Amino acid sequence: MTTLKLTQVGNSLGVVLPKQMAVWLNLEEGDMFFVTDAANEAMRTPCDKAFRSQMAPR
């Protein structure tokens, strides 16, 4: 388990991922991804524009 800390980034909050975690998650700068809770485990999936539009509130 890795503990991450939220930090203030302008008017938002951000999380800095350790490089090792970014490699493990196959993420690079500028990538978008979803984080979901599945059986108390976080899952990372790539951002999919079609999925995002289907899930958008109508």
Protein backbone atom coordinates (compact mmCIF):
# COMPACT_ATOMS: atom_id res chain seq x y z
CA MET A 1 0.00 0.00 0.00
CA THR A 2 1.19 3.49 -0.82
CA THR A 3 0.06 6.59 1.05
CA LEU A 4 -0.46 9.65 -1.13
CA LYS A 5 -0.90 13.22 0.05
CA LEU A 6 -3.29 15.79 -1.44
CA THR A 7 -1.68 19.14 -2.15
CA GLN A 8 -3.12 22.50 -3.15
CA VAL A 9 -2.67 23.23 -6.87
CA GLY A 10 -4.19 26.63 -7.59
CA ASN A 11 -7.89 26.35 -6.73
CA SER A 12 -7.80 22.55 -6.95
CA LEU A 13 -6.30 19.60 -5.13
CA GLY A 14 -3.70 17.35 -6.68
CA VAL A 15 -1.92 14.10 -5.92
CA VAL A 16 1.70 13.50 -6.78
CA LEU A 17 2.32 9.89 -7.78
CA PRO A 18 5.73 8.42 -7.05
CA LYS A 19 7.47 7.55 -10.31
CA GLN A 20 7.40 3.85 -9.43
CA MET A 21 3.60 3.97 -9.12
CA ALA A 22 3.21 5.84 -12.41
CA VAL A 23 5.27 3.14 -14.12
CA TRP A 24 3.20 0.39 -12.44
CA LEU A 25 -0.02 2.07 -13.59
CA ASN A 26 1.46 2.69 -17.06
CA LEU A 27 0.79 6.43 -16.79
CA GLU A 28 2.66 9.30 -18.37
CA GLU A 29 2.35 13.06 -18.00
CA GLY A 30 -0.92 14.27 -19.50
CA ASP A 31 -2.65 10.86 -19.40
CA MET A 32 -6.25 10.82 -18.22
CA PHE A 33 -7.64 7.89 -16.27
CA PHE A 34 -10.57 6.80 -14.13
CA VAL A 35 -10.21 5.62 -10.54
CA THR A 36 -13.01 3.37 -9.35
CA ASP A 37 -13.70 1.54 -6.12
CA ALA A 38 -14.20 -2.17 -6.76
CA ALA A 39 -14.48 -4.39 -3.69
CA ASN A 40 -12.45 -1.88 -1.66
CA GLU A 41 -9.61 -1.87 -4.19
CA ALA A 42 -8.79 1.07 -6.43
CA MET A 43 -8.70 0.25 -10.12
CA ARG A 44 -7.17 2.41 -12.84
CA THR A 45 -8.55 2.37 -16.35
CA PRO A 46 -7.57 4.52 -19.33
CA CYS A 47 -9.78 7.45 -20.20
CA ASP A 48 -12.13 6.43 -23.00
CA LYS A 49 -14.00 9.32 -24.66
CA ALA A 50 -16.89 7.06 -25.76
CA PHE A 51 -17.31 5.67 -22.23
CA ARG A 52 -17.06 9.12 -20.70
CA SER A 53 -19.82 10.46 -22.99
CA GLN A 54 -22.04 7.47 -22.16
CA MET A 55 -21.58 8.06 -18.43
CA ALA A 56 -22.16 11.83 -18.59
CA PRO A 57 -25.34 13.05 -16.88
CA ARG A 58 -28.09 13.90 -19.33
